[in-house]
């Protein structure tokens, strides 16, 4: 008998109503994997975080850049942005339990023949290398000194991976790749200036999944983060961020059979504002 599929769900960003609509159409005991950015920008970040956590062992969730931003804001390291919807989480009576749960989420998973990340994978990294580097960061986020670690997390450099990187530079490069990546140059240098779709690649750059020497090319990589790219279903790369918070859809993909389920979402944010 074939194993039950894993239902992989794109960026929620606090859109609880869309999540509940989707869950009502899925089998009640199915396995779930949320691809990151559970919260922020949508109207019900707190309730969304509680809902995903309440799913218990049947659900896994990756860390996205908005989830990491919440941890940094809660630790007093970063101010809230004007468009953040994090205040309800920060004031919640169960705030600490929710934040501790979030800190324990992984940055990458390899299951059912696919690699799952929030944003992307650098061309130099194999699946095993990606998982090992993600594990290094996960250990620091889960450690006693995680606040000190969060304080070193931000910045766009180093923009190119080097095995000799150490300390904060090494971790920052890994986090940026796994949670922010869109475009890379031929030598693997990351670009963080352009947030539009694939056709808007800066000169000398291409989408990370199109790099001709990508070490993960033989393994499907499933990711979110890139709402301006939208739903993309290729053999070697799948994007599930279909712009829920921008008035698009919330997408669930059955893996490995690739059945799709989508629900329409209200436009909580105006499309003219740049995604991050």
Protein backbone atom coordinates (compact mmCIF):
# COMPACT_ATOMS: atom_id res chain seq x y z
CA UNK A 1 0.00 0.00 0.00
CA UNK A 2 1.35 3.43 -0.94
CA UNK A 3 2.22 5.75 1.91
CA UNK A 4 -0.10 8.63 2.61
CA UNK A 5 1.15 11.81 0.94
CA UNK A 6 2.73 14.72 2.75
CA UNK A 7 0.70 17.87 2.17
CA UNK A 8 3.07 20.81 1.81
CA UNK A 9 1.51 24.23 2.42
CA UNK A 10 2.85 27.56 1.16
CA UNK A 11 3.44 30.81 3.05
CA UNK A 12 0.59 31.52 5.51
CA UNK A 13 1.71 34.94 6.80
CA UNK A 14 -1.03 35.11 9.41
CA UNK A 15 -3.94 34.28 7.07
CA UNK A 16 -5.82 31.99 9.45
CA UNK A 17 -9.10 32.03 7.53
CA UNK A 18 -7.40 30.74 4.40
CA UNK A 19 -5.62 28.04 6.40
CA UNK A 20 -8.88 26.85 7.98
CA UNK A 21 -10.55 26.74 4.55
CA UNK A 22 -7.69 24.63 3.26
CA UNK A 23 -7.64 22.28 6.25
CA UNK A 24 -11.38 21.60 5.86
CA UNK A 25 -10.65 20.17 2.42
CA UNK A 26 -7.78 17.94 3.53
CA UNK A 27 -8.04 14.56 5.25
CA UNK A 28 -8.36 15.11 8.98
CA UNK A 29 -5.32 13.03 9.88
CA UNK A 30 -3.01 13.85 6.96
CA UNK A 31 0.60 14.82 7.47
CA UNK A 32 1.39 18.49 6.94
CA UNK A 33 4.51 20.52 6.24
CA UNK A 34 4.39 24.31 6.33
CA UNK A 35 7.09 25.84 4.15
CA UNK A 36 7.83 28.83 6.43
CA UNK A 37 6.57 32.37 7.08
CA UNK A 38 3.73 31.23 9.28
CA UNK A 39 3.12 34.76 10.48
CA UNK A 40 3.27 38.49 9.72
CA UNK A 41 1.44 40.85 7.37
CA UNK A 42 -1.81 38.89 7.53
CA UNK A 43 -4.49 39.81 10.11
CA UNK A 44 -4.23 36.90 12.58
CA UNK A 45 -0.61 36.08 13.24
CA UNK A 46 -1.14 34.95 16.84
CA UNK A 47 -4.06 32.66 16.05
CA UNK A 48 -2.23 31.22 13.04
CA UNK A 49 0.84 30.40 15.13
CA UNK A 50 -1.33 28.78 17.79
CA UNK A 51 -3.24 26.81 15.18
CA UNK A 52 -0.17 25.35 13.52
CA UNK A 53 1.35 24.47 16.89
CA UNK A 54 -1.94 22.81 17.96
CA UNK A 55 -1.64 20.35 15.08
CA UNK A 56 1.04 18.57 17.09
CA UNK A 57 3.08 15.76 15.63
CA UNK A 58 1.08 15.57 12.39
CA UNK A 59 2.51 18.93 11.28
CA UNK A 60 6.03 20.16 10.65
CA UNK A 61 6.99 23.75 9.93
CA UNK A 62 10.11 25.33 8.51
CA UNK A 63 11.49 28.69 9.59
CA UNK A 64 11.07 31.56 7.15
CA UNK A 65 12.46 35.08 7.22
CA UNK A 66 9.30 36.49 8.83
CA UNK A 67 9.46 33.86 11.57
CA UNK A 68 13.08 34.77 12.29
CA UNK A 69 12.11 38.45 12.29
CA UNK A 70 9.56 37.74 15.01
CA UNK A 71 12.22 36.05 17.14
CA UNK A 72 14.55 39.04 16.71
CA UNK A 73 11.81 41.55 17.57
CA UNK A 74 10.79 39.55 20.64
CA UNK A 75 14.43 39.45 21.79
CA UNK A 76 14.67 43.26 21.51
CA UNK A 77 17.18 43.08 18.66
CA UNK A 78 15.07 44.51 15.84
CA UNK A 79 12.23 47.07 15.82
CA UNK A 80 8.90 46.17 14.31
CA UNK A 81 8.28 47.31 10.75
CA UNK A 82 5.33 49.57 10.04
CA UNK A 83 3.55 46.74 8.23
CA UNK A 84 4.22 44.04 10.84
CA UNK A 85 1.30 42.24 12.47
CA UNK A 86 3.24 40.81 15.41
CA UNK A 87 1.87 42.85 18.32
CA UNK A 88 -0.70 40.24 19.31
CA UNK A 89 1.99 37.56 19.58
CA UNK A 90 4.30 39.79 21.61
CA UNK A 91 1.49 40.61 24.08
CA UNK A 92 0.07 37.08 24.31
CA UNK A 93 0.05 35.22 27.65
CA UNK A 94 1.52 32.17 25.91
CA UNK A 95 4.14 34.25 24.08
CA UNK A 96 7.15 32.44 25.55
CA UNK A 97 5.78 28.99 24.78
CA UNK A 98 5.04 29.99 21.19
CA UNK A 99 8.45 31.58 20.67
CA UNK A 100 10.25 28.59 22.16
CA UNK A 101 8.28 26.29 19.87
CA UNK A 102 9.16 28.45 16.88
CA UNK A 103 12.88 28.43 17.78
CA UNK A 104 12.78 24.65 17.58
CA UNK A 105 11.62 24.51 13.97
CA UNK A 106 14.12 23.38 11.30
CA UNK A 107 15.49 25.37 8.37
CA UNK A 108 15.60 22.42 5.96
CA UNK A 109 14.13 18.93 5.69
CA UNK A 110 14.77 16.00 3.34
CA UNK A 111 11.78 13.70 3.07
CA UNK A 112 10.11 11.51 0.44
CA UNK A 113 12.84 12.23 -2.07
CA UNK A 114 12.61 16.04 -1.89
CA UNK A 115 14.50 18.83 -0.15
CA UNK A 116 12.26 21.39 1.57
CA UNK A 117 13.47 24.90 2.41
CA UNK A 118 11.80 28.27 2.79
CA UNK A 119 13.62 30.23 0.06
CA UNK A 120 16.47 28.51 -1.75
CA UNK A 121 19.72 26.56 -1.84
CA UNK A 122 23.08 27.82 -3.02
CA UNK A 123 24.44 26.08 -6.14
CA UNK A 124 27.51 24.75 -4.32
CA UNK A 125 25.45 22.85 -1.74
CA UNK A 126 24.39 19.23 -2.06
CA UNK A 127 21.39 17.96 -0.11
CA UNK A 128 23.63 16.61 2.64
CA UNK A 129 25.59 19.86 2.82
CA UNK A 130 22.39 21.88 3.01
CA UNK A 131 21.06 19.78 5.87
CA UNK A 132 24.37 19.95 7.75
CA UNK A 133 24.60 23.73 7.45
CA UNK A 134 20.96 24.15 8.42
CA UNK A 135 21.68 21.99 11.45
CA UNK A 136 24.49 24.30 12.54
CA UNK A 137 22.12 27.26 12.59
CA UNK A 138 19.31 25.28 14.21
CA UNK A 139 21.61 24.31 17.09
CA UNK A 140 22.40 27.96 17.76
CA UNK A 141 18.77 29.04 17.59
CA UNK A 142 17.85 26.34 20.09
CA UNK A 143 20.75 27.07 22.42
CA UNK A 144 20.88 29.02 25.66
CA UNK A 145 22.63 31.96 24.00
CA UNK A 146 20.18 32.29 21.11
CA UNK A 147 19.61 36.02 21.75
CA UNK A 148 23.29 36.73 21.19
CA UNK A 149 23.10 34.67 18.02
CA UNK A 150 20.05 36.57 16.74
CA UNK A 151 21.92 39.84 17.25
CA UNK A 152 24.47 38.75 14.60
CA UNK A 153 21.95 37.38 12.11
CA UNK A 154 21.25 40.46 9.97
CA UNK A 155 23.16 41.80 6.99
CA UNK A 156 23.74 40.98 3.33
CA UNK A 157 27.35 39.92 3.62
CA UNK A 158 29.04 37.63 3.01
CA UNK A 159 26.94 37.22 -0.13
CA UNK A 160 28.96 34.29 -1.45
CA UNK A 161 29.50 30.95 0.23
CA UNK A 162 33.00 29.85 1.17
CA UNK A 163 33.72 26.69 3.14
CA UNK A 164 36.23 28.69 5.18
CA UNK A 165 33.55 30.98 6.61
CA UNK A 166 33.28 30.82 10.38
CA UNK A 167 31.20 32.19 13.22
CA UNK A 168 28.55 34.83 12.55
CA UNK A 169 29.55 35.25 8.89
CA UNK A 170 29.05 31.56 8.24
CA UNK A 171 25.66 31.41 9.96
CA UNK A 172 24.46 34.62 8.31
CA UNK A 173 25.30 33.32 4.86
CA UNK A 174 23.40 30.09 5.55
CA UNK A 175 20.34 31.92 6.92
CA UNK A 176 20.24 34.32 3.99
CA UNK A 177 20.38 31.48 1.49
CA UNK A 178 17.75 29.33 3.16
CA UNK A 179 15.29 32.12 4.03
CA UNK A 180 15.89 35.03 1.60
CA UNK A 181 17.44 33.74 -1.63
CA UNK A 182 16.03 34.53 -5.08
CA UNK A 183 18.84 35.32 -7.54
CA UNK A 184 22.47 34.21 -7.81
CA UNK A 185 25.39 35.13 -10.07
CA UNK A 186 27.48 32.55 -11.92
CA UNK A 187 29.88 32.30 -8.96
CA UNK A 188 27.01 31.80 -6.51
CA UNK A 189 26.93 35.37 -5.16
CA UNK A 190 23.47 36.18 -3.82
CA UNK A 191 21.50 39.28 -4.79
CA UNK A 192 19.01 40.77 -2.31
CA UNK A 193 18.04 43.93 -4.18
CA UNK A 194 15.49 42.54 -6.65
CA UNK A 195 12.26 41.05 -5.32
CA UNK A 196 10.25 40.77 -8.50
CA UNK A 197 9.74 37.63 -10.58
CA UNK A 198 12.27 35.58 -12.50
CA UNK A 199 12.17 37.83 -15.56
CA UNK A 200 13.52 40.74 -13.47
CA UNK A 201 16.85 39.04 -12.74
CA UNK A 202 19.68 41.58 -12.32
CA UNK A 203 22.39 41.60 -14.96
CA UNK A 204 24.62 38.56 -14.64
CA UNK A 205 22.19 36.76 -12.32
CA UNK A 206 19.53 34.07 -12.64
CA UNK A 207 17.04 32.40 -10.31
CA UNK A 208 18.95 30.14 -7.93
CA UNK A 209 17.17 27.02 -9.22
CA UNK A 210 18.35 27.74 -12.78
CA UNK A 211 22.06 27.76 -11.97
CA UNK A 212 23.61 25.23 -14.39
CA UNK A 213 25.92 23.78 -11.74
CA UNK A 214 23.36 23.46 -8.96
CA UNK A 215 24.44 20.49 -6.87
CA UNK A 216 20.81 19.70 -5.93
CA UNK A 217 19.62 19.53 -9.53
CA UNK A 218 18.92 15.80 -9.27
CA UNK A 219 16.68 16.29 -6.23
CA UNK A 220 13.39 18.24 -6.30
CA UNK A 221 13.62 21.33 -4.08
CA UNK A 222 10.28 22.58 -2.72
CA UNK A 223 10.22 26.15 -1.42
CA UNK A 224 8.09 29.24 -0.85
CA UNK A 225 9.08 32.86 -0.12
CA UNK A 226 8.89 34.15 -3.72
CA UNK A 227 5.33 35.42 -4.17
CA UNK A 228 6.24 37.38 -7.30
CA UNK A 229 7.41 34.12 -8.86
CA UNK A 230 4.18 32.42 -7.85
CA UNK A 231 3.22 28.79 -8.17
CA UNK A 232 5.88 26.90 -10.14
CA UNK A 233 5.76 23.15 -10.72
CA UNK A 234 8.95 21.84 -12.31
CA UNK A 235 10.49 18.41 -11.99
CA UNK A 236 13.51 19.81 -10.15
CA UNK A 237 12.01 22.86 -8.37
CA UNK A 238 8.59 23.70 -6.93
CA UNK A 239 7.52 27.10 -5.58
CA UNK A 240 4.42 27.12 -3.36
CA UNK A 241 4.19 30.81 -2.46
CA UNK A 242 1.13 31.78 -4.49
CA UNK A 243 0.65 35.15 -2.78
CA UNK A 244 -2.00 34.37 -0.18
CA UNK A 245 -1.57 37.60 1.80
CA UNK A 246 -1.56 39.61 -1.46
CA UNK A 247 -4.97 38.36 -2.56
CA UNK A 248 -3.73 35.29 -4.41
CA UNK A 249 -4.21 31.72 -3.24
CA UNK A 250 -3.00 29.47 -0.46
CA UNK A 251 -1.56 26.34 -2.03
CA UNK A 252 -1.20 22.81 -0.68
CA UNK A 253 0.76 20.23 -2.67
CA UNK A 254 0.52 16.49 -2.03
CA UNK A 255 4.00 15.03 -2.09
CA UNK A 256 5.20 13.00 -3.90
CA UNK A 257 2.18 12.61 -6.21
CA UNK A 258 1.93 16.41 -6.81
CA UNK A 259 -1.81 16.82 -6.48
CA UNK A 260 -2.74 20.47 -5.92
CA UNK A 261 -5.33 22.06 -3.66
CA UNK A 262 -5.82 25.82 -3.53
CA UNK A 263 -8.13 28.30 -1.82
CA UNK A 264 -8.63 31.95 -2.73
CA UNK A 265 -7.42 34.52 -0.22
CA UNK A 266 -8.57 38.07 0.61
CA UNK A 267 -6.08 40.82 -0.32
CA UNK A 268 -4.82 41.78 3.11
CA UNK A 269 -1.86 43.61 1.56
CA UNK A 270 -1.69 45.81 -1.52
CA UNK A 271 0.28 44.26 -4.42
CA UNK A 272 2.11 47.55 -5.05
CA UNK A 273 4.16 47.10 -1.88
CA UNK A 274 7.39 45.10 -2.31
CA UNK A 275 7.55 41.65 -0.71
CA UNK A 276 10.54 40.73 1.44
